[in-house]
Amino acid sequence: MSRPLPFGLKGIDHIVLRVAHLERALDFYCRVLGCTVEKEQAAIGLTQLRAGSALIDLVTLDGPLGRMGGAGPAAGGRNMDHFALAITRFDEGAIRAHLADHDVIVTDSGERYGAEGTGPSLYLRDPDGNTVELKGPATR
């Protein structure tokens, strides 16, 4: 007999990315995607960014936390498949123009199912090769 879970799932709290170049990652996540720096813990090599209601934690490969994880992201391996950032508006042309202004290439686009239902999305890569999905509001 299975017991009910002693908790309820609310949503993504945070993700942790191991990054080779902190400044390059900060530029991408803050300037290109609009995150803000929430907390820095330089002694352990951790910078936490606010992404709406969630956090994106950037761990430098050469910091204490990063060294514990072994080799960093590379062409032959990665830390994850992708993560999706829910966005409030989806004007594909405007988003593509903004990304192009920052030399960010959209690698895929289409209608995809997500936490709120099916809606538009764009895939792109951050400077360390992690795939980021910009997930628009559900249309069905």
N, C-alpha and C. Protein backbone atom coordinates (compact mmCIF):
# COMPACT_ATOMS: atom_id res chain seq x y z
N MET A 1 0.85 -1.18 0.00
CA MET A 1 0.00 0.00 0.00
C MET A 1 0.90 1.24 0.00
N SER A 2 0.62 2.10 -0.91
CA SER A 2 1.45 3.29 -1.06
C SER A 2 0.85 4.46 -0.28
N ARG A 3 1.72 5.17 0.39
CA ARG A 3 1.28 6.34 1.16
C ARG A 3 1.26 7.56 0.26
N PRO A 4 0.39 8.52 0.53
CA PRO A 4 0.40 9.76 -0.24
C PRO A 4 1.69 10.52 0.03
N LEU A 5 2.12 11.28 -0.94
CA LEU A 5 3.33 12.09 -0.76
C LEU A 5 3.13 13.07 0.39
N PRO A 6 4.16 13.30 1.17
CA PRO A 6 4.05 14.24 2.28
C PRO A 6 4.32 15.69 1.84
N PHE A 7 4.21 15.95 0.56
CA PHE A 7 4.45 17.29 0.03
C PHE A 7 3.71 17.43 -1.29
N GLY A 8 3.56 18.65 -1.76
CA GLY A 8 2.98 18.93 -3.06
C GLY A 8 3.99 19.66 -3.92
N LEU A 9 4.00 19.38 -5.19
CA LEU A 9 4.93 20.06 -6.09
C LEU A 9 4.35 21.40 -6.51
N LYS A 10 5.18 22.43 -6.46
CA LYS A 10 4.76 23.79 -6.78
C LYS A 10 5.32 24.26 -8.12
N GLY A 11 6.53 23.90 -8.47
CA GLY A 11 7.17 24.35 -9.70
C GLY A 11 8.67 24.30 -9.55
N ILE A 12 9.37 24.79 -10.53
CA ILE A 12 10.84 24.79 -10.47
C ILE A 12 11.29 25.88 -9.51
N ASP A 13 12.11 25.51 -8.54
CA ASP A 13 12.67 26.46 -7.60
C ASP A 13 13.96 27.05 -8.17
N HIS A 14 14.85 26.17 -8.59
CA HIS A 14 16.10 26.64 -9.18
C HIS A 14 16.73 25.53 -10.00
N ILE A 15 17.63 25.92 -10.86
CA ILE A 15 18.48 24.99 -11.58
C ILE A 15 19.92 25.43 -11.33
N VAL A 16 20.84 24.50 -11.47
CA VAL A 16 22.25 24.82 -11.26
C VAL A 16 23.01 24.49 -12.54
N LEU A 17 23.71 25.49 -13.06
CA LEU A 17 24.53 25.32 -14.26
C LEU A 17 25.99 25.50 -13.90
N ARG A 18 26.82 24.59 -14.35
CA ARG A 18 28.26 24.73 -14.19
C ARG A 18 28.77 25.48 -15.41
N VAL A 19 29.45 26.60 -15.21
CA VAL A 19 29.85 27.46 -16.32
C VAL A 19 31.37 27.67 -16.35
N ALA A 20 31.89 27.74 -17.56
CA ALA A 20 33.33 27.92 -17.74
C ALA A 20 33.76 29.37 -17.55
N HIS A 21 32.91 30.32 -17.94
CA HIS A 21 33.25 31.74 -17.88
C HIS A 21 32.08 32.50 -17.26
N LEU A 22 32.21 32.88 -16.00
CA LEU A 22 31.12 33.53 -15.28
C LEU A 22 30.66 34.81 -15.96
N GLU A 23 31.58 35.67 -16.36
CA GLU A 23 31.18 36.95 -16.96
C GLU A 23 30.39 36.74 -18.24
N ARG A 24 30.80 35.79 -19.05
CA ARG A 24 30.08 35.47 -20.29
C ARG A 24 28.68 34.95 -19.97
N ALA A 25 28.56 34.09 -18.97
CA ALA A 25 27.25 33.56 -18.56
C ALA A 25 26.37 34.68 -18.00
N LEU A 26 26.94 35.55 -17.17
CA LEU A 26 26.18 36.67 -16.61
C LEU A 26 25.67 37.59 -17.71
N ASP A 27 26.51 37.86 -18.69
CA ASP A 27 26.10 38.71 -19.80
C ASP A 27 24.90 38.09 -20.52
N PHE A 28 24.97 36.79 -20.79
CA PHE A 28 23.89 36.10 -21.49
C PHE A 28 22.61 36.09 -20.66
N TYR A 29 22.68 35.62 -19.44
CA TYR A 29 21.46 35.46 -18.64
C TYR A 29 20.87 36.80 -18.18
N CYS A 30 21.72 37.79 -17.93
CA CYS A 30 21.21 39.09 -17.47
C CYS A 30 20.88 40.02 -18.62
N ARG A 31 21.83 40.26 -19.50
CA ARG A 31 21.60 41.23 -20.57
C ARG A 31 20.69 40.69 -21.66
N VAL A 32 20.87 39.43 -22.04
CA VAL A 32 20.07 38.87 -23.14
C VAL A 32 18.71 38.38 -22.66
N LEU A 33 18.67 37.66 -21.53
CA LEU A 33 17.41 37.07 -21.08
C LEU A 33 16.70 37.84 -19.97
N GLY A 34 17.35 38.84 -19.38
CA GLY A 34 16.67 39.69 -18.41
C GLY A 34 16.70 39.23 -16.96
N CYS A 35 17.53 38.26 -16.63
CA CYS A 35 17.67 37.84 -15.23
C CYS A 35 18.40 38.95 -14.46
N THR A 36 18.32 38.90 -13.15
CA THR A 36 19.06 39.83 -12.31
C THR A 36 19.86 39.04 -11.27
N VAL A 37 20.99 39.60 -10.88
CA VAL A 37 21.80 38.95 -9.86
C VAL A 37 21.09 39.13 -8.52
N GLU A 38 20.83 38.02 -7.86
CA GLU A 38 20.14 38.05 -6.57
C GLU A 38 21.12 37.90 -5.41
N LYS A 39 22.08 37.00 -5.56
CA LYS A 39 23.01 36.73 -4.46
C LYS A 39 24.31 36.19 -5.03
N GLU A 40 25.42 36.66 -4.47
CA GLU A 40 26.73 36.16 -4.88
C GLU A 40 27.43 35.55 -3.67
N GLN A 41 28.00 34.36 -3.88
CA GLN A 41 28.78 33.70 -2.84
C GLN A 41 30.13 33.33 -3.47
N ALA A 42 30.96 34.34 -3.68
CA ALA A 42 32.22 34.18 -4.38
C ALA A 42 33.13 33.15 -3.72
N ALA A 43 33.06 33.02 -2.40
CA ALA A 43 33.95 32.09 -1.70
C ALA A 43 33.74 30.64 -2.14
N ILE A 44 32.55 30.32 -2.60
CA ILE A 44 32.30 28.95 -3.07
C ILE A 44 32.07 28.89 -4.58
N GLY A 45 32.16 30.04 -5.27
CA GLY A 45 32.01 30.06 -6.72
C GLY A 45 30.57 29.95 -7.19
N LEU A 46 29.65 30.63 -6.48
CA LEU A 46 28.22 30.55 -6.79
C LEU A 46 27.62 31.94 -6.97
N THR A 47 26.91 32.14 -8.07
CA THR A 47 26.14 33.36 -8.30
C THR A 47 24.72 32.94 -8.61
N GLN A 48 23.76 33.52 -7.87
CA GLN A 48 22.36 33.16 -8.06
C GLN A 48 21.62 34.28 -8.77
N LEU A 49 20.93 33.90 -9.85
CA LEU A 49 20.19 34.86 -10.66
C LEU A 49 18.70 34.66 -10.48
N ARG A 50 17.96 35.76 -10.43
CA ARG A 50 16.51 35.70 -10.36
C ARG A 50 15.97 35.59 -11.77
N ALA A 51 15.13 34.57 -12.01
CA ALA A 51 14.47 34.35 -13.30
C ALA A 51 12.98 34.20 -13.01
N GLY A 52 12.28 35.33 -12.85
CA GLY A 52 10.88 35.28 -12.46
C GLY A 52 10.76 34.73 -11.05
N SER A 53 9.97 33.66 -10.88
CA SER A 53 9.79 33.09 -9.55
C SER A 53 10.86 32.04 -9.22
N ALA A 54 11.76 31.77 -10.14
CA ALA A 54 12.78 30.74 -9.95
C ALA A 54 14.17 31.37 -9.94
N LEU A 55 15.16 30.55 -9.60
CA LEU A 55 16.55 30.98 -9.62
C LEU A 55 17.34 30.12 -10.60
N ILE A 56 18.34 30.73 -11.21
CA ILE A 56 19.35 30.02 -11.99
C ILE A 56 20.66 30.23 -11.25
N ASP A 57 21.23 29.15 -10.75
CA ASP A 57 22.50 29.21 -10.03
C ASP A 57 23.63 28.93 -11.00
N LEU A 58 24.60 29.84 -11.05
CA LEU A 58 25.78 29.66 -11.89
C LEU A 58 26.94 29.28 -10.99
N VAL A 59 27.54 28.12 -11.26
CA VAL A 59 28.67 27.61 -10.49
C VAL A 59 29.89 27.62 -11.40
N THR A 60 30.93 28.33 -10.99
CA THR A 60 32.14 28.39 -11.80
C THR A 60 32.92 27.08 -11.68
N LEU A 61 33.45 26.62 -12.79
CA LEU A 61 34.18 25.36 -12.80
C LEU A 61 35.41 25.37 -11.90
N ASP A 62 36.03 26.54 -11.73
CA ASP A 62 37.26 26.61 -10.94
C ASP A 62 37.02 26.95 -9.48
N GLY A 63 35.77 27.11 -9.07
CA GLY A 63 35.45 27.38 -7.66
C GLY A 63 35.28 26.08 -6.88
N PRO A 64 35.17 26.17 -5.57
CA PRO A 64 35.02 24.96 -4.74
C PRO A 64 33.86 24.06 -5.17
N LEU A 65 32.70 24.62 -5.44
CA LEU A 65 31.57 23.79 -5.88
C LEU A 65 31.82 23.20 -7.25
N GLY A 66 32.34 24.00 -8.16
CA GLY A 66 32.59 23.54 -9.53
C GLY A 66 33.60 22.42 -9.61
N ARG A 67 34.67 22.52 -8.82
CA ARG A 67 35.69 21.47 -8.82
C ARG A 67 35.13 20.14 -8.35
N MET A 68 34.12 20.16 -7.49
CA MET A 68 33.53 18.92 -6.99
C MET A 68 32.80 18.16 -8.10
N GLY A 69 32.41 18.85 -9.17
CA GLY A 69 31.63 18.21 -10.23
C GLY A 69 32.44 17.61 -11.35
N GLY A 70 33.76 17.67 -11.28
CA GLY A 70 34.57 17.10 -12.34
C GLY A 70 34.65 18.01 -13.56
N ALA A 71 34.88 17.39 -14.72
CA ALA A 71 35.05 18.15 -15.96
C ALA A 71 33.79 18.95 -16.27
N GLY A 72 33.97 20.07 -16.93
CA GLY A 72 32.86 20.95 -17.25
C GLY A 72 32.16 20.59 -18.55
N PRO A 73 31.17 21.38 -18.94
CA PRO A 73 30.44 21.14 -20.16
C PRO A 73 31.39 21.12 -21.36
N ALA A 74 31.17 20.19 -22.27
CA ALA A 74 32.01 20.07 -23.46
C ALA A 74 31.20 19.44 -24.58
N ALA A 75 31.79 19.42 -25.77
CA ALA A 75 31.09 18.87 -26.93
C ALA A 75 30.69 17.42 -26.74
N GLY A 76 31.48 16.64 -25.98
CA GLY A 76 31.20 15.23 -25.80
C GLY A 76 30.26 14.91 -24.65
N GLY A 77 29.85 15.90 -23.91
CA GLY A 77 28.96 15.65 -22.77
C GLY A 77 28.36 16.95 -22.30
N ARG A 78 27.31 16.84 -21.50
CA ARG A 78 26.67 18.05 -20.99
C ARG A 78 26.08 17.77 -19.62
N ASN A 79 25.74 18.83 -18.94
CA ASN A 79 25.21 18.72 -17.60
C ASN A 79 23.72 18.38 -17.58
N MET A 80 23.00 18.67 -18.65
CA MET A 80 21.57 18.41 -18.74
C MET A 80 21.13 18.49 -20.19
N ASP A 81 19.90 18.11 -20.48
CA ASP A 81 19.39 18.26 -21.84
C ASP A 81 19.00 19.71 -22.09
N HIS A 82 18.04 20.24 -21.34
CA HIS A 82 17.67 21.65 -21.44
C HIS A 82 16.82 22.02 -20.25
N PHE A 83 16.61 23.33 -20.09
CA PHE A 83 15.61 23.79 -19.14
C PHE A 83 14.78 24.84 -19.84
N ALA A 84 13.55 25.00 -19.36
CA ALA A 84 12.62 25.94 -20.00
C ALA A 84 12.34 27.10 -19.06
N LEU A 85 12.41 28.30 -19.61
CA LEU A 85 12.01 29.50 -18.89
C LEU A 85 10.64 29.92 -19.43
N ALA A 86 9.64 29.94 -18.57
CA ALA A 86 8.31 30.40 -18.97
C ALA A 86 8.38 31.91 -19.18
N ILE A 87 7.86 32.39 -20.31
CA ILE A 87 7.84 33.83 -20.57
C ILE A 87 6.39 34.29 -20.71
N THR A 88 6.14 35.56 -20.45
CA THR A 88 4.78 36.06 -20.38
C THR A 88 4.20 36.47 -21.73
N ARG A 89 5.03 36.87 -22.65
CA ARG A 89 4.56 37.26 -23.99
C ARG A 89 5.40 36.51 -25.00
N PHE A 90 4.80 36.22 -26.15
CA PHE A 90 5.57 35.51 -27.17
C PHE A 90 5.33 36.16 -28.52
N ASP A 91 6.17 37.13 -28.85
CA ASP A 91 6.18 37.76 -30.17
C ASP A 91 7.45 37.22 -30.83
N GLU A 92 7.29 36.15 -31.61
CA GLU A 92 8.46 35.44 -32.12
C GLU A 92 9.40 36.35 -32.90
N GLY A 93 8.86 37.22 -33.74
CA GLY A 93 9.71 38.11 -34.51
C GLY A 93 10.53 39.03 -33.63
N ALA A 94 9.90 39.60 -32.62
CA ALA A 94 10.60 40.50 -31.70
C ALA A 94 11.65 39.74 -30.89
N ILE A 95 11.31 38.53 -30.47
CA ILE A 95 12.27 37.73 -29.69
C ILE A 95 13.46 37.37 -30.56
N ARG A 96 13.19 36.91 -31.78
CA ARG A 96 14.29 36.55 -32.68
C ARG A 96 15.19 37.76 -32.96
N ALA A 97 14.59 38.93 -33.17
CA ALA A 97 15.39 40.13 -33.43
C ALA A 97 16.26 40.47 -32.22
N HIS A 98 15.69 40.37 -31.03
CA HIS A 98 16.45 40.65 -29.81
C HIS A 98 17.62 39.68 -29.67
N LEU A 99 17.35 38.40 -29.89
CA LEU A 99 18.42 37.40 -29.78
C LEU A 99 19.50 37.64 -30.84
N ALA A 100 19.09 37.97 -32.06
CA ALA A 100 20.06 38.25 -33.13
C ALA A 100 20.93 39.45 -32.77
N ASP A 101 20.34 40.46 -32.12
CA ASP A 101 21.11 41.62 -31.69
C ASP A 101 22.24 41.22 -30.73
N HIS A 102 22.07 40.07 -30.08
CA HIS A 102 23.06 39.59 -29.12
C HIS A 102 23.83 38.38 -29.66
N ASP A 103 23.74 38.18 -30.97
CA ASP A 103 24.43 37.07 -31.64
C ASP A 103 24.05 35.70 -31.08
N VAL A 104 22.80 35.56 -30.67
CA VAL A 104 22.29 34.29 -30.17
C VAL A 104 21.43 33.66 -31.27
N ILE A 105 21.74 32.44 -31.62
CA ILE A 105 21.05 31.73 -32.70
C ILE A 105 19.94 30.86 -32.13
N VAL A 106 18.76 30.94 -32.73
CA VAL A 106 17.65 30.05 -32.37
C VAL A 106 17.93 28.72 -33.06
N THR A 107 17.97 27.64 -32.28
CA THR A 107 18.29 26.33 -32.84
C THR A 107 17.06 25.52 -33.23
N ASP A 108 15.90 25.88 -32.68
CA ASP A 108 14.66 25.17 -33.00
C ASP A 108 13.50 26.01 -32.51
N SER A 109 12.35 25.81 -33.12
CA SER A 109 11.14 26.50 -32.67
C SER A 109 9.93 25.64 -32.99
N GLY A 110 8.84 25.92 -32.34
CA GLY A 110 7.61 25.19 -32.61
C GLY A 110 6.66 25.23 -31.44
N GLU A 111 5.56 24.54 -31.60
CA GLU A 111 4.55 24.41 -30.54
C GLU A 111 4.93 23.19 -29.69
N ARG A 112 5.00 23.40 -28.39
CA ARG A 112 5.38 22.30 -27.51
C ARG A 112 4.51 22.32 -26.26
N TYR A 113 4.36 21.15 -25.69
CA TYR A 113 3.61 21.03 -24.45
C TYR A 113 4.53 21.35 -23.28
N GLY A 114 4.02 22.11 -22.33
CA GLY A 114 4.77 22.45 -21.13
C GLY A 114 3.85 22.45 -19.93
N ALA A 115 4.32 23.01 -18.83
CA ALA A 115 3.59 22.98 -17.57
C ALA A 115 2.22 23.64 -17.65
N GLU A 116 2.06 24.61 -18.53
CA GLU A 116 0.78 25.32 -18.64
C GLU A 116 -0.03 24.89 -19.85
N GLY A 117 0.45 23.92 -20.63
CA GLY A 117 -0.25 23.47 -21.83
C GLY A 117 0.61 23.68 -23.05
N THR A 118 0.00 23.52 -24.23
CA THR A 118 0.73 23.65 -25.48
C THR A 118 0.83 25.11 -25.89
N GLY A 119 2.02 25.50 -26.30
CA GLY A 119 2.25 26.88 -26.71
C GLY A 119 3.56 26.99 -27.46
N PRO A 120 3.86 28.19 -27.93
CA PRO A 120 5.07 28.40 -28.73
C PRO A 120 6.34 28.35 -27.88
N SER A 121 7.43 27.92 -28.53
CA SER A 121 8.71 27.92 -27.83
C SER A 121 9.85 28.09 -28.82
N LEU A 122 10.95 28.59 -28.30
CA LEU A 122 12.21 28.73 -29.06
C LEU A 122 13.31 28.08 -28.24
N TYR A 123 14.21 27.40 -28.93
CA TYR A 123 15.38 26.82 -28.28
C TYR A 123 16.61 27.62 -28.70
N LEU A 124 17.53 27.82 -27.75
CA LEU A 124 18.79 28.51 -28.01
C LEU A 124 19.83 27.93 -27.07
N ARG A 125 21.07 28.32 -27.24
CA ARG A 125 22.14 27.82 -26.37
C ARG A 125 22.80 28.98 -25.64
N ASP A 126 23.16 28.72 -24.39
CA ASP A 126 23.90 29.72 -23.64
C ASP A 126 25.38 29.60 -24.01
N PRO A 127 26.23 30.48 -23.48
CA PRO A 127 27.64 30.44 -23.87
C PRO A 127 28.37 29.15 -23.55
N ASP A 128 27.85 28.34 -22.62
CA ASP A 128 28.49 27.08 -22.28
C ASP A 128 27.86 25.89 -23.00
N GLY A 129 26.96 26.15 -23.94
CA GLY A 129 26.35 25.09 -24.72
C GLY A 129 25.11 24.48 -24.09
N ASN A 130 24.66 24.99 -22.93
CA ASN A 130 23.42 24.50 -22.34
C ASN A 130 22.24 24.98 -23.18
N THR A 131 21.27 24.10 -23.41
CA THR A 131 20.10 24.47 -24.20
C THR A 131 19.05 25.09 -23.29
N VAL A 132 18.56 26.26 -23.71
CA VAL A 132 17.54 27.01 -22.99
C VAL A 132 16.31 27.09 -23.88
N GLU A 133 15.15 26.76 -23.35
CA GLU A 133 13.89 26.91 -24.07
C GLU A 133 13.17 28.12 -23.52
N LEU A 134 12.77 29.04 -24.41
CA LEU A 134 11.90 30.15 -24.02
C LEU A 134 10.49 29.69 -24.32
N LYS A 135 9.69 29.42 -23.29
CA LYS A 135 8.37 28.81 -23.45
C LYS A 135 7.30 29.88 -23.27
N GLY A 136 6.56 30.11 -24.36
CA GLY A 136 5.48 31.10 -24.33
C GLY A 136 4.25 30.58 -23.63
N PRO A 137 3.28 31.48 -23.40
CA PRO A 137 2.03 31.10 -22.75
C PRO A 137 1.28 30.03 -23.56
N ALA A 138 0.55 29.19 -22.86
CA ALA A 138 -0.22 28.15 -23.53
C ALA A 138 -1.29 28.76 -24.42
N THR A 139 -1.43 28.19 -25.59
CA THR A 139 -2.47 28.62 -26.53
C THR A 139 -3.58 27.58 -26.63
N ARG A 140 -3.32 26.40 -26.08
CA ARG A 140 -4.34 25.34 -26.02
C ARG A 140 -3.98 24.33 -24.98
